[in-house]
Amino acid sequence: MKKVGAYEAKTHLPKLLERVIKGERFTITKHGVPVAVLQPAESVKRADPKLIISELRKFRDKHILKGLSIREMIEEGRR
């Protein structure tokens, strides 16, 4: 894990974030003392677009509008 000073981290944050997205980790130090770790978030996962489309189609098949138009739904929401 690479060490980065707090000032450098603040100055170059966008570049550091791009590197973190690619999997790098950084220890941020203040006066040489580690104060934080900048690393990829564990919860950030890219979903497979084909799976998402498949799930949307399943949802659409189960939820029929029964003749309602989008305009009618918009007007209903405004009341």
PDB file of N, CA and C in Angstrom:
ATOM      1  N   MET A   1       0.855  -1.173   0.000  1.00  0.00           N
ATOM      2  CA  MET A   1       0.000   0.000   0.000  1.00  0.00           C
ATOM      3  C   MET A   1       0.901   1.237   0.000  1.00  0.00           C
ATOM      4  N   LYS A   2       0.575   2.164  -0.868  1.00  0.00           N
ATOM      5  CA  LYS A   2       1.386   3.368  -0.995  1.00  0.00           C
ATOM      6  C   LYS A   2       0.953   4.419   0.025  1.00  0.00           C
ATOM      7  N   LYS A   3       1.905   5.240   0.439  1.00  0.00           N
ATOM      8  CA  LYS A   3       1.617   6.321   1.383  1.00  0.00           C
ATOM      9  C   LYS A   3       1.540   7.635   0.626  1.00  0.00           C
ATOM     10  N   VAL A   4       0.566   8.458   1.014  1.00  0.00           N
ATOM     11  CA  VAL A   4       0.364   9.764   0.387  1.00  0.00           C
ATOM     12  C   VAL A   4       0.116  10.774   1.502  1.00  0.00           C
ATOM     13  N   GLY A   5       0.797  11.900   1.439  1.00  0.00           N
ATOM     14  CA  GLY A   5       0.571  12.951   2.424  1.00  0.00           C
ATOM     15  C   GLY A   5      -0.811  13.573   2.251  1.00  0.00           C
ATOM     16  N   ALA A   6      -1.357  14.109   3.325  1.00  0.00           N
ATOM     17  CA  ALA A   6      -2.697  14.695   3.294  1.00  0.00           C
ATOM     18  C   ALA A   6      -2.796  15.822   2.271  1.00  0.00           C
ATOM     19  N   TYR A   7      -1.784  16.670   2.195  1.00  0.00           N
ATOM     20  CA  TYR A   7      -1.812  17.782   1.242  1.00  0.00           C
ATOM     21  C   TYR A   7      -1.830  17.258  -0.192  1.00  0.00           C
ATOM     22  N   GLU A   8      -0.983  16.266  -0.467  1.00  0.00           N
ATOM     23  CA  GLU A   8      -0.939  15.685  -1.810  1.00  0.00           C
ATOM     24  C   GLU A   8      -2.263  14.991  -2.140  1.00  0.00           C
ATOM     25  N   ALA A   9      -2.843  14.301  -1.168  1.00  0.00           N
ATOM     26  CA  ALA A   9      -4.124  13.630  -1.388  1.00  0.00           C
ATOM     27  C   ALA A   9      -5.210  14.647  -1.726  1.00  0.00           C
ATOM     28  N   LYS A  10      -5.201  15.777  -1.005  1.00  0.00           N
ATOM     29  CA  LYS A  10      -6.195  16.822  -1.262  1.00  0.00           C
ATOM     30  C   LYS A  10      -5.988  17.428  -2.648  1.00  0.00           C
ATOM     31  N   THR A  11      -4.752  17.662  -2.994  1.00  0.00           N
ATOM     32  CA  THR A  11      -4.427  18.310  -4.264  1.00  0.00           C
ATOM     33  C   THR A  11      -4.705  17.410  -5.465  1.00  0.00           C
ATOM     34  N   HIS A  12      -4.466  16.112  -5.308  1.00  0.00           N
ATOM     35  CA  HIS A  12      -4.583  15.179  -6.427  1.00  0.00           C
ATOM     36  C   HIS A  12      -5.697  14.152  -6.231  1.00  0.00           C
ATOM     37  N   LEU A  13      -6.732  14.508  -5.496  1.00  0.00           N
ATOM     38  CA  LEU A  13      -7.793  13.553  -5.189  1.00  0.00           C
ATOM     39  C   LEU A  13      -8.424  12.921  -6.430  1.00  0.00           C
ATOM     40  N   PRO A  14      -8.777  13.684  -7.467  1.00  0.00           N
ATOM     41  CA  PRO A  14      -9.381  13.027  -8.637  1.00  0.00           C
ATOM     42  C   PRO A  14      -8.486  11.952  -9.256  1.00  0.00           C
ATOM     43  N   LYS A  15      -7.191  12.210  -9.332  1.00  0.00           N
ATOM     44  CA  LYS A  15      -6.260  11.217  -9.885  1.00  0.00           C
ATOM     45  C   LYS A  15      -6.165   9.998  -8.966  1.00  0.00           C
ATOM     46  N   LEU A  16      -6.129  10.247  -7.658  1.00  0.00           N
ATOM     47  CA  LEU A  16      -6.071   9.133  -6.712  1.00  0.00           C
ATOM     48  C   LEU A  16      -7.331   8.278  -6.814  1.00  0.00           C
ATOM     49  N   LEU A  17      -8.488   8.919  -6.952  1.00  0.00           N
ATOM     50  CA  LEU A  17      -9.736   8.168  -7.051  1.00  0.00           C
ATOM     51  C   LEU A  17      -9.759   7.292  -8.298  1.00  0.00           C
ATOM     52  N   GLU A  18      -9.235   7.795  -9.395  1.00  0.00           N
ATOM     53  CA  GLU A  18      -9.153   6.984 -10.614  1.00  0.00           C
ATOM     54  C   GLU A  18      -8.282   5.746 -10.368  1.00  0.00           C
ATOM     55  N   ARG A  19      -7.209   5.915  -9.643  1.00  0.00           N
ATOM     56  CA  ARG A  19      -6.334   4.776  -9.341  1.00  0.00           C
ATOM     57  C   ARG A  19      -7.009   3.813  -8.368  1.00  0.00           C
ATOM     58  N   VAL A  20      -7.778   4.350  -7.432  1.00  0.00           N
ATOM     59  CA  VAL A  20      -8.501   3.506  -6.479  1.00  0.00           C
ATOM     60  C   VAL A  20      -9.549   2.676  -7.218  1.00  0.00           C
ATOM     61  N   ILE A  21     -10.214   3.277  -8.196  1.00  0.00           N
ATOM     62  CA  ILE A  21     -11.201   2.544  -8.988  1.00  0.00           C
ATOM     63  C   ILE A  21     -10.557   1.328  -9.637  1.00  0.00           C
ATOM     64  N   LYS A  22      -9.303   1.460 -10.004  1.00  0.00           N
ATOM     65  CA  LYS A  22      -8.581   0.360 -10.643  1.00  0.00           C
ATOM     66  C   LYS A  22      -8.039  -0.650  -9.631  1.00  0.00           C
ATOM     67  N   GLY A  23      -8.283  -0.402  -8.340  1.00  0.00           N
ATOM     68  CA  GLY A  23      -7.913  -1.385  -7.326  1.00  0.00           C
ATOM     69  C   GLY A  23      -6.770  -1.010  -6.400  1.00  0.00           C
ATOM     70  N   GLU A  24      -6.139   0.141  -6.591  1.00  0.00           N
ATOM     71  CA  GLU A  24      -5.027   0.532  -5.714  1.00  0.00           C
ATOM     72  C   GLU A  24      -5.552   0.993  -4.354  1.00  0.00           C
ATOM     73  N   ARG A  25      -4.689   0.902  -3.357  1.00  0.00           N
ATOM     74  CA  ARG A  25      -5.002   1.373  -2.002  1.00  0.00           C
ATOM     75  C   ARG A  25      -3.930   2.352  -1.568  1.00  0.00           C
ATOM     76  N   PHE A  26      -4.342   3.360  -0.808  1.00  0.00           N
ATOM     77  CA  PHE A  26      -3.411   4.379  -0.328  1.00  0.00           C
ATOM     78  C   PHE A  26      -3.631   4.616   1.153  1.00  0.00           C
ATOM     79  N   THR A  27      -2.522   4.801   1.877  1.00  0.00           N
ATOM     80  CA  THR A  27      -2.593   5.261   3.255  1.00  0.00           C
ATOM     81  C   THR A  27      -2.323   6.759   3.227  1.00  0.00           C
ATOM     82  N   ILE A  28      -3.235   7.521   3.764  1.00  0.00           N
ATOM     83  CA  ILE A  28      -3.060   8.973   3.821  1.00  0.00           C
ATOM     84  C   ILE A  28      -2.426   9.310   5.163  1.00  0.00           C
ATOM     85  N   THR A  29      -1.354  10.066   5.104  1.00  0.00           N
ATOM     86  CA  THR A  29      -0.618  10.415   6.322  1.00  0.00           C
ATOM     87  C   THR A  29      -0.674  11.916   6.569  1.00  0.00           C
ATOM     88  N   LYS A  30      -0.546  12.264   7.833  1.00  0.00           N
ATOM     89  CA  LYS A  30      -0.441  13.668   8.235  1.00  0.00           C
ATOM     90  C   LYS A  30       0.800  13.765   9.103  1.00  0.00           C
ATOM     91  N   HIS A  31       1.788  14.502   8.614  1.00  0.00           N
ATOM     92  CA  HIS A  31       3.079  14.604   9.290  1.00  0.00           C
ATOM     93  C   HIS A  31       3.702  13.230   9.508  1.00  0.00           C
ATOM     94  N   GLY A  32       3.509  12.344   8.493  1.00  0.00           N
ATOM     95  CA  GLY A  32       4.104  11.013   8.543  1.00  0.00           C
ATOM     96  C   GLY A  32       3.322   9.983   9.331  1.00  0.00           C
ATOM     97  N   VAL A  33       2.224  10.392   9.968  1.00  0.00           N
ATOM     98  CA  VAL A  33       1.417   9.477  10.776  1.00  0.00           C
ATOM     99  C   VAL A  33       0.186   9.047   9.967  1.00  0.00           C
ATOM    100  N   PRO A  34      -0.038   7.746   9.806  1.00  0.00           N
ATOM    101  CA  PRO A  34      -1.220   7.294   9.062  1.00  0.00           C
ATOM    102  C   PRO A  34      -2.513   7.759   9.728  1.00  0.00           C
ATOM    103  N   VAL A  35      -3.396   8.359   8.924  1.00  0.00           N
ATOM    104  CA  VAL A  35      -4.676   8.839   9.465  1.00  0.00           C
ATOM    105  C   VAL A  35      -5.881   8.257   8.743  1.00  0.00           C
ATOM    106  N   ALA A  36      -5.692   7.738   7.533  1.00  0.00           N
ATOM    107  CA  ALA A  36      -6.826   7.200   6.778  1.00  0.00           C
ATOM    108  C   ALA A  36      -6.323   6.252   5.703  1.00  0.00           C
ATOM    109  N   VAL A  37      -7.238   5.433   5.228  1.00  0.00           N
ATOM    110  CA  VAL A  37      -6.940   4.529   4.122  1.00  0.00           C
ATOM    111  C   VAL A  37      -7.951   4.806   3.017  1.00  0.00           C
ATOM    112  N   LEU A  38      -7.443   5.004   1.809  1.00  0.00           N
ATOM    113  CA  LEU A  38      -8.281   5.227   0.641  1.00  0.00           C
ATOM    114  C   LEU A  38      -8.231   3.942  -0.177  1.00  0.00           C
ATOM    115  N   GLN A  39      -9.395   3.252  -0.266  1.00  0.00           N
ATOM    116  CA  GLN A  39      -9.429   1.973  -0.949  1.00  0.00           C
ATOM    117  C   GLN A  39     -10.768   1.801  -1.649  1.00  0.00           C
ATOM    118  N   PRO A  40     -10.860   0.863  -2.602  1.00  0.00           N
ATOM    119  CA  PRO A  40     -12.129   0.648  -3.284  1.00  0.00           C
ATOM    120  C   PRO A  40     -13.208   0.211  -2.297  1.00  0.00           C
ATOM    121  N   ALA A  41     -14.403   0.710  -2.511  1.00  0.00           N
ATOM    122  CA  ALA A  41     -15.532   0.312  -1.674  1.00  0.00           C
ATOM    123  C   ALA A  41     -15.917  -1.118  -2.013  1.00  0.00           C
ATOM    124  N   GLU A  42     -16.206  -1.895  -1.027  1.00  0.00           N
ATOM    125  CA  GLU A  42     -16.564  -3.295  -1.249  1.00  0.00           C
ATOM    126  C   GLU A  42     -17.939  -3.433  -1.875  1.00  0.00           C
ATOM    127  N   SER A  43     -18.829  -2.504  -1.577  1.00  0.00           N
ATOM    128  CA  SER A  43     -20.206  -2.626  -2.041  1.00  0.00           C
ATOM    129  C   SER A  43     -20.397  -2.196  -3.488  1.00  0.00           C
ATOM    130  N   VAL A  44     -19.391  -1.605  -4.084  1.00  0.00           N
ATOM    131  CA  VAL A  44     -19.520  -1.140  -5.457  1.00  0.00           C
ATOM    132  C   VAL A  44     -19.219  -2.301  -6.398  1.00  0.00           C
ATOM    133  N   LYS A  45     -20.266  -2.800  -7.014  1.00  0.00           N
ATOM    134  CA  LYS A  45     -20.123  -3.893  -7.962  1.00  0.00           C
ATOM    135  C   LYS A  45     -20.946  -3.538  -9.198  1.00  0.00           C
ATOM    136  N   ARG A  46     -20.389  -3.789 -10.335  1.00  0.00           N
ATOM    137  CA  ARG A  46     -21.119  -3.529 -11.570  1.00  0.00           C
ATOM    138  C   ARG A  46     -21.983  -4.741 -11.881  1.00  0.00           C
ATOM    139  N   ALA A  47     -23.257  -4.477 -12.105  1.00  0.00           N
ATOM    140  CA  ALA A  47     -24.174  -5.554 -12.442  1.00  0.00           C
ATOM    141  C   ALA A  47     -24.096  -5.847 -13.936  1.00  0.00           C
ATOM    142  N   ASP A  48     -24.383  -7.076 -14.279  1.00  0.00           N
ATOM    143  CA  ASP A  48     -24.389  -7.489 -15.673  1.00  0.00           C
ATOM    144  C   ASP A  48     -25.596  -6.859 -16.367  1.00  0.00           C
ATOM    145  N   PRO A  49     -25.385  -6.064 -17.408  1.00  0.00           N
ATOM    146  CA  PRO A  49     -26.508  -5.408 -18.096  1.00  0.00           C
ATOM    147  C   PRO A  49     -27.549  -6.400 -18.607  1.00  0.00           C
ATOM    148  N   LYS A  50     -27.122  -7.571 -19.073  1.00  0.00           N
ATOM    149  CA  LYS A  50     -28.079  -8.570 -19.568  1.00  0.00           C
ATOM    150  C   LYS A  50     -28.987  -9.055 -18.447  1.00  0.00           C
ATOM    151  N   LEU A  51     -28.426  -9.208 -17.257  1.00  0.00           N
ATOM    152  CA  LEU A  51     -29.222  -9.634 -16.110  1.00  0.00           C
ATOM    153  C   LEU A  51     -30.229  -8.557 -15.725  1.00  0.00           C
ATOM    154  N   ILE A  52     -29.811  -7.315 -15.730  1.00  0.00           N
ATOM    155  CA  ILE A  52     -30.713  -6.204 -15.386  1.00  0.00           C
ATOM    156  C   ILE A  52     -31.868  -6.136 -16.383  1.00  0.00           C
ATOM    157  N   ILE A  53     -31.560  -6.235 -17.671  1.00  0.00           N
ATOM    158  CA  ILE A  53     -32.609  -6.182 -18.695  1.00  0.00           C
ATOM    159  C   ILE A  53     -33.577  -7.341 -18.521  1.00  0.00           C
ATOM    160  N   SER A  54     -33.040  -8.521 -18.230  1.00  0.00           N
ATOM    161  CA  SER A  54     -33.888  -9.688 -18.001  1.00  0.00           C
ATOM    162  C   SER A  54     -34.831  -9.461 -16.820  1.00  0.00           C
ATOM    163  N   GLU A  55     -34.310  -8.904 -15.725  1.00  0.00           N
ATOM    164  CA  GLU A  55     -35.136  -8.628 -14.545  1.00  0.00           C
ATOM    165  C   GLU A  55     -36.205  -7.575 -14.847  1.00  0.00           C
ATOM    166  N   LEU A  56     -35.859  -6.560 -15.624  1.00  0.00           N
ATOM    167  CA  LEU A  56     -36.838  -5.538 -16.003  1.00  0.00           C
ATOM    168  C   LEU A  56     -37.957  -6.135 -16.847  1.00  0.00           C
ATOM    169  N   ARG A  57     -37.607  -7.025 -17.745  1.00  0.00           N
ATOM    170  CA  ARG A  57     -38.640  -7.672 -18.572  1.00  0.00           C
ATOM    171  C   ARG A  57     -39.565  -8.537 -17.721  1.00  0.00           C
ATOM    172  N   LYS A  58     -39.016  -9.257 -16.751  1.00  0.00           N
ATOM    173  CA  LYS A  58     -39.846 -10.056 -15.850  1.00  0.00           C
ATOM    174  C   LYS A  58     -40.796  -9.157 -15.068  1.00  0.00           C
ATOM    175  N   PHE A  59     -40.268  -8.031 -14.573  1.00  0.00           N
ATOM    176  CA  PHE A  59     -41.099  -7.091 -13.820  1.00  0.00           C
ATOM    177  C   PHE A  59     -42.216  -6.559 -14.702  1.00  0.00           C
ATOM    178  N   ARG A  60     -41.880  -6.180 -15.938  1.00  0.00           N
ATOM    179  CA  ARG A  60     -42.859  -5.621 -16.860  1.00  0.00           C
ATOM    180  C   ARG A  60     -43.956  -6.634 -17.156  1.00  0.00           C
ATOM    181  N   ASP A  61     -43.607  -7.898 -17.317  1.00  0.00           N
ATOM    182  CA  ASP A  61     -44.595  -8.931 -17.615  1.00  0.00           C
ATOM    183  C   ASP A  61     -45.567  -9.142 -16.460  1.00  0.00           C
ATOM    184  N   LYS A  62     -45.113  -8.926 -15.231  1.00  0.00           N
ATOM    185  CA  LYS A  62     -45.967  -9.138 -14.061  1.00  0.00           C
ATOM    186  C   LYS A  62     -46.812  -7.915 -13.705  1.00  0.00           C
ATOM    187  N   HIS A  63     -46.456  -6.743 -14.212  1.00  0.00           N
ATOM    188  CA  HIS A  63     -47.141  -5.509 -13.844  1.00  0.00           C
ATOM    189  C   HIS A  63     -47.742  -4.858 -15.093  1.00  0.00           C
ATOM    190  N   ILE A  64     -48.998  -5.165 -15.317  1.00  0.00           N
ATOM    191  CA  ILE A  64     -49.690  -4.672 -16.505  1.00  0.00           C
ATOM    192  C   ILE A  64     -50.468  -3.413 -16.124  1.00  0.00           C
ATOM    193  N   LEU A  65     -50.469  -2.426 -17.011  1.00  0.00           N
ATOM    194  CA  LEU A  65     -51.117  -1.153 -16.734  1.00  0.00           C
ATOM    195  C   LEU A  65     -52.631  -1.182 -16.983  1.00  0.00           C
ATOM    196  N   LYS A  66     -53.135  -2.203 -17.627  1.00  0.00           N
ATOM    197  CA  LYS A  66     -54.568  -2.378 -17.880  1.00  0.00           C
ATOM    198  C   LYS A  66     -55.188  -1.140 -18.513  1.00  0.00           C
ATOM    199  N   GLY A  67     -54.591  -0.682 -19.577  1.00  0.00           N
ATOM    200  CA  GLY A  67     -55.164   0.420 -20.332  1.00  0.00           C
ATOM    201  C   GLY A  67     -54.766   1.813 -19.874  1.00  0.00           C
ATOM    202  N   LEU A  68     -54.054   1.949 -18.763  1.00  0.00           N
ATOM    203  CA  LEU A  68     -53.628   3.274 -18.319  1.00  0.00           C
ATOM    204  C   LEU A  68     -52.518   3.791 -19.223  1.00  0.00           C
ATOM    205  N   SER A  69     -52.573   5.066 -19.505  1.00  0.00           N
ATOM    206  CA  SER A  69     -51.495   5.672 -20.283  1.00  0.00           C
ATOM    207  C   SER A  69     -50.524   6.360 -19.328  1.00  0.00           C
ATOM    208  N   ILE A  70     -49.359   6.637 -19.819  1.00  0.00           N
ATOM    209  CA  ILE A  70     -48.377   7.360 -19.008  1.00  0.00           C
ATOM    210  C   ILE A  70     -48.929   8.730 -18.632  1.00  0.00           C
ATOM    211  N   ARG A  71     -49.601   9.386 -19.564  1.00  0.00           N
ATOM    212  CA  ARG A  71     -50.188  10.704 -19.306  1.00  0.00           C
ATOM    213  C   ARG A  71     -51.182  10.632 -18.142  1.00  0.00           C
ATOM    214  N   GLU A  72     -52.026   9.588 -18.120  1.00  0.00           N
ATOM    215  CA  GLU A  72     -52.999   9.434 -17.030  1.00  0.00           C
ATOM    216  C   GLU A  72     -52.291   9.232 -15.689  1.00  0.00           C
ATOM    217  N   MET A  73     -51.198   8.476 -15.701  1.00  0.00           N
ATOM    218  CA  MET A  73     -50.466   8.268 -14.457  1.00  0.00           C
ATOM    219  C   MET A  73     -49.807   9.554 -13.977  1.00  0.00           C
ATOM    220  N   ILE A  74     -49.315  10.349 -14.913  1.00  0.00           N
ATOM    221  CA  ILE A  74     -48.710  11.629 -14.541  1.00  0.00           C
ATOM    222  C   ILE A  74     -49.760  12.530 -13.920  1.00  0.00           C
ATOM    223  N   GLU A  75     -50.923  12.607 -14.562  1.00  0.00           N
ATOM    224  CA  GLU A  75     -51.994  13.446 -14.044  1.00  0.00           C
ATOM    225  C   GLU A  75     -52.469  12.956 -12.667  1.00  0.00           C
ATOM    226  N   GLU A  76     -52.544  11.647 -12.476  1.00  0.00           N
ATOM    227  CA  GLU A  76     -52.920  11.081 -11.189  1.00  0.00           C
ATOM    228  C   GLU A  76     -51.925  11.472 -10.111  1.00  0.00           C
ATOM    229  N   GLY A  77     -50.652  11.478 -10.451  1.00  0.00           N
ATOM    230  CA  GLY A  77     -49.615  11.840  -9.491  1.00  0.00           C
ATOM    231  C   GLY A  77     -49.640  13.300  -9.107  1.00  0.00           C
ATOM    232  N   ARG A  78     -50.221  14.145  -9.937  1.00  0.00           N
ATOM    233  CA  ARG A  78     -50.285  15.584  -9.659  1.00  0.00           C
ATOM    234  C   ARG A  78     -51.422  15.948  -8.731  1.00  0.00           C
ATOM    235  N   ARG A  79     -52.349  15.054  -8.528  1.00  0.00           N
ATOM    236  CA  ARG A  79     -53.512  15.357  -7.665  1.00  0.00           C
ATOM    237  C   ARG A  79     -53.173  15.251  -6.218  1.00  0.00           C
TER     238      ARG A  79
END
